């Protein structure tokens, strides 16, 4: 959690993007399969959490940038599976506001700014394991670690990190 804003560090979005990806699958060992993938995108319109920009109910910067994701999945027959993924976003917010702006005299709905001028790097690493207990019952454990580092033009750099662990029991009908 960011000490500056007390927000979770991984709130980001890329609703308008395009890119390419590669996928390789290896099925040479009977029921065991392994696949690996890589995707890369150009983000035409995205958003990342801002630690400083609070205009109305908005606490994010509009941005352009890049994203990527890579990983490997292993399926050990019908009993066991594991996955490791890494992904990231690099956002650039180009049009900010003056550092000496008087927020008491500004209407945040008409302010011509994307947010705080900044460069944000958000990354996520995830490890997942699944075990089949019976025909319809599965046990899954997952660990995720999220990082965000944002360099602002007029404010201090903010680094934040958080982790989560999940243990799930799933019944398929």
N, C-alpha and C. Protein backbone atom coordinates (compact mmCIF):
# COMPACT_ATOMS: atom_id res chain seq x y z
N UNK A 1 0.85 -1.17 0.00
CA UNK A 1 0.00 0.00 0.00
C UNK A 1 0.89 1.23 0.00
N UNK A 2 0.55 2.22 -0.80
CA UNK A 2 1.31 3.45 -0.87
C UNK A 2 1.19 4.22 0.43
N UNK A 3 2.34 4.62 1.00
CA UNK A 3 2.31 5.41 2.22
C UNK A 3 1.74 6.81 1.97
N UNK A 4 1.90 7.31 0.76
CA UNK A 4 1.41 8.65 0.43
C UNK A 4 -0.10 8.69 0.33
N UNK A 5 -0.69 7.74 -0.40
CA UNK A 5 -2.12 7.82 -0.67
C UNK A 5 -2.94 6.73 0.01
N UNK A 6 -2.30 5.70 0.55
CA UNK A 6 -2.97 4.58 1.19
C UNK A 6 -3.89 3.83 0.21
N UNK A 7 -3.58 3.88 -1.09
CA UNK A 7 -4.34 3.14 -2.09
C UNK A 7 -3.63 1.85 -2.44
N UNK A 8 -4.38 0.89 -2.93
CA UNK A 8 -3.76 -0.31 -3.47
C UNK A 8 -3.00 0.09 -4.74
N UNK A 9 -1.85 -0.50 -5.00
CA UNK A 9 -1.01 0.00 -6.10
C UNK A 9 -1.38 -0.49 -7.48
N UNK A 10 -2.36 -1.36 -7.62
CA UNK A 10 -2.55 -1.99 -8.92
C UNK A 10 -3.86 -1.63 -9.58
N UNK A 11 -4.31 -0.43 -9.41
CA UNK A 11 -5.51 0.03 -10.11
C UNK A 11 -5.08 0.69 -11.42
N UNK A 12 -5.24 -0.03 -12.53
CA UNK A 12 -4.88 0.49 -13.84
C UNK A 12 -5.79 -0.14 -14.88
N UNK A 13 -5.86 0.52 -16.06
CA UNK A 13 -6.81 0.10 -17.08
C UNK A 13 -6.25 0.42 -18.46
N UNK A 14 -6.60 -0.40 -19.44
CA UNK A 14 -6.20 -0.17 -20.83
C UNK A 14 -7.36 -0.55 -21.75
N UNK A 15 -8.42 0.28 -21.79
CA UNK A 15 -9.60 -0.10 -22.59
C UNK A 15 -9.41 0.02 -24.10
N UNK A 16 -8.44 0.80 -24.56
CA UNK A 16 -8.20 0.94 -26.00
C UNK A 16 -6.74 0.63 -26.27
N UNK A 17 -6.49 -0.60 -26.74
CA UNK A 17 -5.12 -1.00 -27.02
C UNK A 17 -5.11 -2.04 -28.14
N UNK A 18 -3.95 -2.24 -28.72
CA UNK A 18 -3.80 -3.29 -29.72
C UNK A 18 -2.38 -3.84 -29.63
N UNK A 19 -2.21 -5.07 -30.06
CA UNK A 19 -0.88 -5.65 -29.97
C UNK A 19 -0.79 -7.02 -30.59
N UNK A 20 0.30 -7.69 -30.29
CA UNK A 20 0.60 -9.01 -30.83
C UNK A 20 0.96 -9.96 -29.71
N UNK A 21 0.82 -11.23 -29.99
CA UNK A 21 1.18 -12.23 -29.00
C UNK A 21 1.69 -13.50 -29.65
N UNK A 22 2.42 -14.27 -28.87
CA UNK A 22 2.95 -15.55 -29.31
C UNK A 22 2.55 -16.60 -28.28
N UNK A 23 2.26 -17.80 -28.75
CA UNK A 23 1.92 -18.91 -27.87
C UNK A 23 2.60 -20.16 -28.40
N UNK A 24 3.25 -20.87 -27.50
CA UNK A 24 3.89 -22.14 -27.87
C UNK A 24 3.37 -23.22 -26.93
N UNK A 25 2.95 -24.36 -27.50
CA UNK A 25 2.45 -25.45 -26.68
C UNK A 25 3.22 -26.72 -26.99
N UNK A 26 3.62 -27.44 -25.95
CA UNK A 26 4.37 -28.68 -26.08
C UNK A 26 3.51 -29.81 -25.54
N UNK A 27 3.14 -30.78 -26.40
CA UNK A 27 2.29 -31.91 -26.00
C UNK A 27 3.02 -33.24 -26.20
N UNK A 28 4.33 -33.25 -26.23
CA UNK A 28 5.09 -34.46 -26.58
C UNK A 28 5.14 -35.51 -25.48
N UNK A 29 4.69 -35.22 -24.28
CA UNK A 29 4.86 -36.13 -23.16
C UNK A 29 3.53 -36.68 -22.67
N UNK A 30 2.75 -37.27 -23.56
CA UNK A 30 1.48 -37.88 -23.18
C UNK A 30 0.48 -36.88 -22.64
N UNK A 31 0.03 -37.10 -21.42
CA UNK A 31 -0.98 -36.22 -20.82
C UNK A 31 -0.39 -34.92 -20.27
N UNK A 32 0.90 -34.87 -20.09
CA UNK A 32 1.54 -33.65 -19.57
C UNK A 32 1.70 -32.64 -20.71
N UNK A 33 1.32 -31.40 -20.43
CA UNK A 33 1.43 -30.34 -21.44
C UNK A 33 2.10 -29.12 -20.80
N UNK A 34 2.84 -28.42 -21.60
CA UNK A 34 3.43 -27.15 -21.17
C UNK A 34 3.16 -26.14 -22.27
N UNK A 35 2.76 -24.93 -21.88
CA UNK A 35 2.67 -23.87 -22.87
C UNK A 35 3.27 -22.60 -22.30
N UNK A 36 3.78 -21.79 -23.18
CA UNK A 36 4.38 -20.51 -22.82
C UNK A 36 3.80 -19.45 -23.75
N UNK A 37 3.69 -18.22 -23.23
CA UNK A 37 3.09 -17.17 -24.04
C UNK A 37 3.76 -15.84 -23.75
N UNK A 38 3.62 -14.93 -24.72
CA UNK A 38 4.08 -13.55 -24.58
C UNK A 38 3.13 -12.66 -25.37
N UNK A 39 2.65 -11.60 -24.76
CA UNK A 39 1.78 -10.62 -25.41
C UNK A 39 2.36 -9.23 -25.17
N UNK A 40 2.26 -8.37 -26.14
CA UNK A 40 2.70 -6.98 -26.01
C UNK A 40 1.67 -6.08 -26.68
N UNK A 41 1.35 -4.96 -26.05
CA UNK A 41 0.32 -4.05 -26.57
C UNK A 41 0.78 -2.60 -26.52
N UNK A 42 0.26 -1.83 -27.44
CA UNK A 42 0.36 -0.37 -27.39
C UNK A 42 -0.98 0.12 -26.83
N UNK A 43 -0.92 0.95 -25.82
CA UNK A 43 -2.13 1.46 -25.16
C UNK A 43 -2.43 2.85 -25.71
N UNK A 44 -3.54 2.96 -26.43
CA UNK A 44 -3.96 4.26 -26.97
C UNK A 44 -4.65 5.10 -25.91
N UNK A 45 -5.45 4.45 -25.07
CA UNK A 45 -6.13 5.15 -23.97
C UNK A 45 -6.11 4.23 -22.76
N UNK A 46 -5.53 4.71 -21.70
CA UNK A 46 -5.46 3.94 -20.47
C UNK A 46 -5.56 4.86 -19.27
N UNK A 47 -5.46 4.26 -18.10
CA UNK A 47 -5.53 5.04 -16.86
C UNK A 47 -4.72 4.33 -15.78
N UNK A 48 -4.13 5.13 -14.92
CA UNK A 48 -3.40 4.59 -13.77
C UNK A 48 -3.74 5.44 -12.54
N UNK A 49 -3.65 4.80 -11.41
CA UNK A 49 -3.95 5.46 -10.15
C UNK A 49 -3.00 6.63 -9.93
N UNK A 50 -3.53 7.75 -9.43
CA UNK A 50 -2.71 8.89 -9.06
C UNK A 50 -2.72 9.05 -7.55
N UNK A 51 -1.56 9.35 -7.00
CA UNK A 51 -1.46 9.58 -5.56
C UNK A 51 -1.81 11.00 -5.18
N UNK A 52 -1.87 11.92 -6.14
CA UNK A 52 -2.07 13.34 -5.84
C UNK A 52 -3.31 13.93 -6.50
N UNK A 53 -3.66 13.51 -7.70
CA UNK A 53 -4.74 14.13 -8.47
C UNK A 53 -6.09 13.69 -7.92
N UNK A 54 -6.82 14.63 -7.35
CA UNK A 54 -8.14 14.36 -6.78
C UNK A 54 -9.10 15.43 -7.30
N UNK A 55 -9.61 15.22 -8.49
CA UNK A 55 -10.53 16.17 -9.11
C UNK A 55 -11.92 15.58 -9.08
N UNK A 56 -12.74 16.07 -8.18
CA UNK A 56 -14.08 15.49 -8.02
C UNK A 56 -13.94 14.09 -7.45
N UNK A 57 -14.58 13.12 -8.08
CA UNK A 57 -14.46 11.73 -7.66
C UNK A 57 -13.35 10.99 -8.40
N UNK A 58 -12.56 11.69 -9.17
CA UNK A 58 -11.54 11.07 -10.00
C UNK A 58 -10.19 11.07 -9.29
N UNK A 59 -9.56 9.92 -9.20
CA UNK A 59 -8.24 9.81 -8.59
C UNK A 59 -7.27 9.04 -9.50
N UNK A 60 -7.38 9.24 -10.79
CA UNK A 60 -6.54 8.54 -11.75
C UNK A 60 -6.06 9.50 -12.83
N UNK A 61 -4.99 9.11 -13.50
CA UNK A 61 -4.44 9.85 -14.62
C UNK A 61 -4.81 9.14 -15.91
N UNK A 62 -5.23 9.88 -16.91
CA UNK A 62 -5.42 9.32 -18.25
C UNK A 62 -4.05 9.24 -18.91
N UNK A 63 -3.80 8.17 -19.67
CA UNK A 63 -2.44 7.96 -20.15
C UNK A 63 -2.42 7.14 -21.44
N UNK A 64 -1.26 7.15 -22.08
CA UNK A 64 -0.91 6.27 -23.19
C UNK A 64 0.26 5.43 -22.72
N UNK A 65 0.56 4.36 -23.45
CA UNK A 65 1.72 3.58 -23.04
C UNK A 65 1.80 2.22 -23.66
N UNK A 66 2.35 1.28 -22.90
CA UNK A 66 2.62 -0.07 -23.37
C UNK A 66 2.25 -1.06 -22.27
N UNK A 67 1.95 -2.28 -22.67
CA UNK A 67 1.74 -3.35 -21.70
C UNK A 67 2.32 -4.64 -22.25
N UNK A 68 2.60 -5.56 -21.36
CA UNK A 68 3.15 -6.85 -21.75
C UNK A 68 2.73 -7.89 -20.72
N UNK A 69 2.71 -9.14 -21.16
CA UNK A 69 2.45 -10.25 -20.27
C UNK A 69 3.13 -11.48 -20.81
N UNK A 70 3.72 -12.25 -19.93
CA UNK A 70 4.37 -13.49 -20.32
C UNK A 70 4.16 -14.51 -19.22
N UNK A 71 4.22 -15.76 -19.61
CA UNK A 71 4.02 -16.79 -18.60
C UNK A 71 4.22 -18.18 -19.14
N UNK A 72 4.15 -19.13 -18.22
CA UNK A 72 4.27 -20.53 -18.57
C UNK A 72 3.25 -21.30 -17.74
N UNK A 73 2.60 -22.28 -18.37
CA UNK A 73 1.61 -23.13 -17.73
C UNK A 73 2.05 -24.58 -17.88
N UNK A 74 1.89 -25.36 -16.81
CA UNK A 74 2.22 -26.78 -16.83
C UNK A 74 1.00 -27.56 -16.37
N UNK A 75 0.62 -28.56 -17.16
CA UNK A 75 -0.50 -29.43 -16.82
C UNK A 75 0.05 -30.85 -16.70
N UNK A 76 0.08 -31.38 -15.49
CA UNK A 76 0.59 -32.73 -15.24
C UNK A 76 -0.51 -33.75 -15.33
N UNK A 77 -1.01 -34.00 -16.50
CA UNK A 77 -2.14 -34.89 -16.67
C UNK A 77 -3.41 -34.21 -16.18
N UNK A 78 -4.31 -35.00 -15.60
CA UNK A 78 -5.57 -34.44 -15.12
C UNK A 78 -5.53 -34.14 -13.63
N UNK A 79 -4.39 -34.33 -12.98
CA UNK A 79 -4.29 -34.23 -11.52
C UNK A 79 -3.72 -32.90 -11.05
N UNK A 80 -2.68 -32.40 -11.71
CA UNK A 80 -1.91 -31.26 -11.19
C UNK A 80 -1.68 -30.22 -12.28
N UNK A 81 -1.70 -28.96 -11.88
CA UNK A 81 -1.39 -27.87 -12.80
C UNK A 81 -0.69 -26.74 -12.05
N UNK A 82 0.18 -26.02 -12.75
CA UNK A 82 0.89 -24.88 -12.17
C UNK A 82 1.06 -23.82 -13.25
N UNK A 83 1.10 -22.57 -12.82
CA UNK A 83 1.27 -21.46 -13.76
C UNK A 83 2.08 -20.35 -13.10
N UNK A 84 2.91 -19.70 -13.89
CA UNK A 84 3.67 -18.55 -13.45
C UNK A 84 3.50 -17.47 -14.50
N UNK A 85 3.04 -16.29 -14.11
CA UNK A 85 2.85 -15.18 -15.06
C UNK A 85 3.49 -13.91 -14.53
N UNK A 86 3.91 -13.07 -15.47
CA UNK A 86 4.46 -11.76 -15.15
C UNK A 86 3.89 -10.79 -16.18
N UNK A 87 3.42 -9.66 -15.72
CA UNK A 87 2.87 -8.66 -16.63
C UNK A 87 3.14 -7.26 -16.12
N UNK A 88 3.05 -6.31 -17.02
CA UNK A 88 3.30 -4.94 -16.63
C UNK A 88 2.66 -3.93 -17.55
N UNK A 89 2.56 -2.72 -17.04
CA UNK A 89 2.04 -1.57 -17.78
C UNK A 89 3.02 -0.42 -17.59
N UNK A 90 3.29 0.31 -18.65
CA UNK A 90 4.07 1.53 -18.57
C UNK A 90 3.20 2.64 -19.15
N UNK A 91 2.79 3.58 -18.29
CA UNK A 91 1.87 4.65 -18.66
C UNK A 91 2.58 6.00 -18.67
N UNK A 92 2.23 6.83 -19.65
CA UNK A 92 2.74 8.19 -19.74
C UNK A 92 1.56 9.15 -19.73
N UNK A 93 1.51 10.05 -18.77
CA UNK A 93 0.51 11.11 -18.73
C UNK A 93 1.21 12.38 -19.18
N UNK A 94 0.78 12.91 -20.33
CA UNK A 94 1.50 14.00 -21.00
C UNK A 94 1.01 15.37 -20.60
N UNK A 95 -0.30 15.54 -20.46
CA UNK A 95 -0.86 16.87 -20.25
C UNK A 95 -1.36 17.00 -18.81
N UNK A 96 -0.60 17.71 -18.01
CA UNK A 96 -0.97 17.92 -16.61
C UNK A 96 -1.51 19.33 -16.41
N UNK A 97 -1.35 19.81 -15.22
CA UNK A 97 -1.78 21.15 -14.85
C UNK A 97 -0.59 21.84 -14.19
N UNK A 98 -0.67 23.15 -14.04
CA UNK A 98 0.43 23.90 -13.42
C UNK A 98 0.59 23.49 -11.96
N UNK A 99 1.83 23.51 -11.50
CA UNK A 99 2.11 23.11 -10.12
C UNK A 99 1.52 24.07 -9.10
N UNK A 100 1.28 25.32 -9.50
CA UNK A 100 0.75 26.31 -8.55
C UNK A 100 -0.75 26.57 -8.77
N UNK A 101 -1.47 25.56 -9.24
CA UNK A 101 -2.90 25.71 -9.50
C UNK A 101 -3.66 25.92 -8.19
N UNK A 102 -4.66 26.79 -8.22
CA UNK A 102 -5.53 27.03 -7.07
C UNK A 102 -6.79 26.19 -7.26
N UNK A 103 -6.86 25.06 -6.58
CA UNK A 103 -7.97 24.12 -6.76
C UNK A 103 -9.29 24.70 -6.30
N UNK A 104 -9.28 25.74 -5.52
CA UNK A 104 -10.53 26.37 -5.07
C UNK A 104 -11.21 27.15 -6.19
N UNK A 105 -10.48 27.51 -7.21
CA UNK A 105 -11.04 28.30 -8.31
C UNK A 105 -11.21 27.51 -9.59
N UNK A 106 -10.96 26.19 -9.56
CA UNK A 106 -10.99 25.36 -10.76
C UNK A 106 -12.18 24.41 -10.70
N UNK A 107 -12.87 24.31 -11.84
CA UNK A 107 -13.92 23.30 -11.96
C UNK A 107 -13.27 22.03 -12.49
N UNK A 108 -13.21 20.94 -11.70
CA UNK A 108 -12.51 19.73 -12.15
C UNK A 108 -13.14 19.09 -13.39
N UNK A 109 -14.41 19.38 -13.66
CA UNK A 109 -15.06 18.78 -14.84
C UNK A 109 -14.64 19.47 -16.14
N UNK A 110 -14.18 20.69 -16.07
CA UNK A 110 -13.77 21.41 -17.27
C UNK A 110 -12.26 21.63 -17.35
N UNK A 111 -11.51 21.14 -16.38
CA UNK A 111 -10.06 21.29 -16.39
C UNK A 111 -9.48 20.47 -17.53
N UNK A 112 -8.70 21.10 -18.39
CA UNK A 112 -8.10 20.43 -19.55
C UNK A 112 -6.78 19.79 -19.13
N UNK A 113 -6.87 18.68 -18.41
CA UNK A 113 -5.69 17.96 -17.96
C UNK A 113 -5.99 16.47 -17.92
N UNK A 114 -4.97 15.68 -18.21
CA UNK A 114 -5.11 14.23 -18.12
C UNK A 114 -4.92 13.75 -16.68
N UNK A 115 -4.43 14.61 -15.83
CA UNK A 115 -4.12 14.27 -14.45
C UNK A 115 -2.76 14.82 -14.12
N UNK A 116 -2.04 14.17 -13.22
CA UNK A 116 -0.67 14.58 -12.88
C UNK A 116 0.28 14.13 -13.98
N UNK A 117 1.10 15.06 -14.48
CA UNK A 117 2.12 14.66 -15.46
C UNK A 117 3.02 13.64 -14.80
N UNK A 118 3.11 12.46 -15.39
CA UNK A 118 3.85 11.40 -14.71
C UNK A 118 4.17 10.26 -15.67
N UNK A 119 4.98 9.36 -15.16
CA UNK A 119 5.29 8.09 -15.81
C UNK A 119 5.08 7.02 -14.75
N UNK A 120 4.18 6.07 -15.02
CA UNK A 120 3.84 5.04 -14.04
C UNK A 120 4.20 3.66 -14.57
N UNK A 121 4.83 2.86 -13.74
CA UNK A 121 5.17 1.49 -14.06
C UNK A 121 4.44 0.59 -13.07
N UNK A 122 3.56 -0.26 -13.57
CA UNK A 122 2.82 -1.20 -12.73
C UNK A 122 3.17 -2.61 -13.18
N UNK A 123 3.47 -3.49 -12.22
CA UNK A 123 3.86 -4.85 -12.54
C UNK A 123 3.15 -5.84 -11.62
N UNK A 124 2.91 -7.03 -12.12
CA UNK A 124 2.26 -8.07 -11.33
C UNK A 124 2.93 -9.41 -11.63
N UNK A 125 3.20 -10.16 -10.57
CA UNK A 125 3.75 -11.51 -10.67
C UNK A 125 2.78 -12.44 -9.96
N UNK A 126 2.45 -13.57 -10.59
CA UNK A 126 1.47 -14.48 -10.00
C UNK A 126 1.94 -15.93 -10.18
N UNK A 127 1.80 -16.71 -9.10
CA UNK A 127 2.08 -18.14 -9.14
C UNK A 127 0.83 -18.88 -8.67
N UNK A 128 0.44 -19.91 -9.42
CA UNK A 128 -0.79 -20.64 -9.13
C UNK A 128 -0.55 -22.14 -9.25
N UNK A 129 -1.10 -22.90 -8.30
CA UNK A 129 -1.03 -24.36 -8.35
C UNK A 129 -2.42 -24.93 -8.10
N UNK A 130 -2.77 -25.98 -8.85
CA UNK A 130 -4.07 -26.63 -8.69
C UNK A 130 -3.87 -28.14 -8.55
N UNK A 131 -4.72 -28.73 -7.71
CA UNK A 131 -4.67 -30.16 -7.48
C UNK A 131 -6.08 -30.71 -7.53
N UNK A 132 -6.28 -31.75 -8.34
CA UNK A 132 -7.59 -32.37 -8.45
C UNK A 132 -7.75 -33.37 -7.29
N UNK A 133 -8.77 -33.15 -6.45
CA UNK A 133 -9.00 -34.02 -5.30
C UNK A 133 -9.95 -35.17 -5.62
N UNK A 134 -10.93 -34.91 -6.47
CA UNK A 134 -11.88 -35.93 -6.91
C UNK A 134 -12.42 -35.51 -8.28
N UNK A 135 -13.43 -36.21 -8.77
CA UNK A 135 -13.95 -35.89 -10.10
C UNK A 135 -14.42 -34.45 -10.23
N UNK A 136 -14.97 -33.89 -9.17
CA UNK A 136 -15.53 -32.54 -9.24
C UNK A 136 -14.93 -31.57 -8.23
N UNK A 137 -13.93 -31.96 -7.48
CA UNK A 137 -13.39 -31.14 -6.40
C UNK A 137 -11.92 -30.83 -6.66
N UNK A 138 -11.58 -29.53 -6.59
CA UNK A 138 -10.22 -29.06 -6.86
C UNK A 138 -9.75 -28.16 -5.73
N UNK A 139 -8.44 -28.22 -5.42
CA UNK A 139 -7.81 -27.34 -4.46
C UNK A 139 -6.81 -26.47 -5.22
N UNK A 140 -6.94 -25.15 -5.07
CA UNK A 140 -6.08 -24.21 -5.80
C UNK A 140 -5.48 -23.22 -4.83
N UNK A 141 -4.19 -22.99 -4.97
CA UNK A 141 -3.49 -21.96 -4.21
C UNK A 141 -2.88 -20.97 -5.17
N UNK A 142 -2.95 -19.68 -4.81
CA UNK A 142 -2.43 -18.64 -5.68
C UNK A 142 -1.75 -17.56 -4.83
N UNK A 143 -0.59 -17.10 -5.30
CA UNK A 143 0.11 -15.99 -4.66
C UNK A 143 0.38 -14.94 -5.72
N UNK A 144 0.04 -13.68 -5.41
CA UNK A 144 0.26 -12.57 -6.34
C UNK A 144 1.00 -11.46 -5.63
N UNK A 145 1.89 -10.79 -6.37
CA UNK A 145 2.61 -9.64 -5.85
C UNK A 145 2.48 -8.51 -6.86
N UNK A 146 2.07 -7.34 -6.40
CA UNK A 146 1.82 -6.18 -7.25
C UNK A 146 2.76 -5.05 -6.86
N UNK A 147 3.33 -4.37 -7.86
CA UNK A 147 4.22 -3.24 -7.64
C UNK A 147 3.74 -2.06 -8.47
N UNK A 148 3.92 -0.86 -7.96
CA UNK A 148 3.67 0.34 -8.76
C UNK A 148 4.70 1.38 -8.37
N UNK A 149 5.31 1.98 -9.39
CA UNK A 149 6.23 3.09 -9.17
C UNK A 149 5.82 4.20 -10.11
N UNK A 150 5.56 5.38 -9.57
CA UNK A 150 5.14 6.52 -10.37
C UNK A 150 6.08 7.68 -10.13
N UNK A 151 6.66 8.19 -11.22
CA UNK A 151 7.51 9.39 -11.17
C UNK A 151 6.67 10.56 -11.64
N UNK A 152 6.46 11.54 -10.75
CA UNK A 152 5.65 12.71 -11.06
C UNK A 152 6.55 13.88 -11.43
N UNK A 153 6.01 14.77 -12.24
CA UNK A 153 6.79 15.95 -12.63
C UNK A 153 6.92 16.94 -11.48
N UNK A 154 5.83 17.17 -10.74
CA UNK A 154 5.83 18.18 -9.69
C UNK A 154 5.80 17.60 -8.28
N UNK A 155 5.74 16.30 -8.14
CA UNK A 155 5.61 15.69 -6.82
C UNK A 155 6.67 14.61 -6.63
N UNK A 156 6.77 14.12 -5.41
CA UNK A 156 7.73 13.07 -5.10
C UNK A 156 7.33 11.75 -5.77
N UNK A 157 8.33 10.95 -6.09
CA UNK A 157 8.13 9.62 -6.64
C UNK A 157 7.44 8.76 -5.58
N UNK A 158 6.53 7.89 -6.02
CA UNK A 158 5.82 7.00 -5.11
C UNK A 158 6.03 5.56 -5.56
N UNK A 159 6.47 4.72 -4.61
CA UNK A 159 6.60 3.29 -4.85
C UNK A 159 5.67 2.59 -3.86
N UNK A 160 4.91 1.64 -4.36
CA UNK A 160 4.04 0.88 -3.48
C UNK A 160 4.01 -0.57 -3.93
N UNK A 161 3.74 -1.44 -2.99
CA UNK A 161 3.74 -2.88 -3.26
C UNK A 161 2.74 -3.54 -2.33
N UNK A 162 2.07 -4.54 -2.84
CA UNK A 162 1.17 -5.33 -2.01
C UNK A 162 1.14 -6.76 -2.54
N UNK A 163 0.80 -7.68 -1.67
CA UNK A 163 0.73 -9.09 -2.04
C UNK A 163 -0.60 -9.66 -1.58
N UNK A 164 -1.01 -10.73 -2.24
CA UNK A 164 -2.20 -11.43 -1.79
C UNK A 164 -2.01 -12.92 -2.00
N UNK A 165 -2.61 -13.68 -1.11
CA UNK A 165 -2.60 -15.12 -1.23
C UNK A 165 -4.03 -15.63 -1.19
N UNK A 166 -4.31 -16.65 -1.98
CA UNK A 166 -5.65 -17.23 -2.01
C UNK A 166 -5.53 -18.74 -1.93
N UNK A 167 -6.43 -19.34 -1.19
CA UNK A 167 -6.57 -20.78 -1.14
C UNK A 167 -8.04 -21.07 -1.43
N UNK A 168 -8.29 -21.81 -2.50
CA UNK A 168 -9.66 -22.00 -2.97
C UNK A 168 -9.98 -23.49 -3.07
N UNK A 169 -11.17 -23.83 -2.67
CA UNK A 169 -11.72 -25.16 -2.86
C UNK A 169 -12.87 -25.01 -3.86
N UNK A 170 -12.77 -25.67 -5.00
CA UNK A 170 -13.72 -25.48 -6.08
C UNK A 170 -14.47 -26.77 -6.37
N UNK A 171 -15.76 -26.66 -6.51
CA UNK A 171 -16.60 -27.80 -6.90
C UNK A 171 -17.21 -27.48 -8.27
N UNK A 172 -16.98 -28.35 -9.24
CA UNK A 172 -17.52 -28.15 -10.58
C UNK A 172 -18.76 -29.03 -10.74
N UNK A 173 -19.86 -28.42 -11.19
CA UNK A 173 -21.11 -29.15 -11.38
C UNK A 173 -21.28 -29.55 -12.83
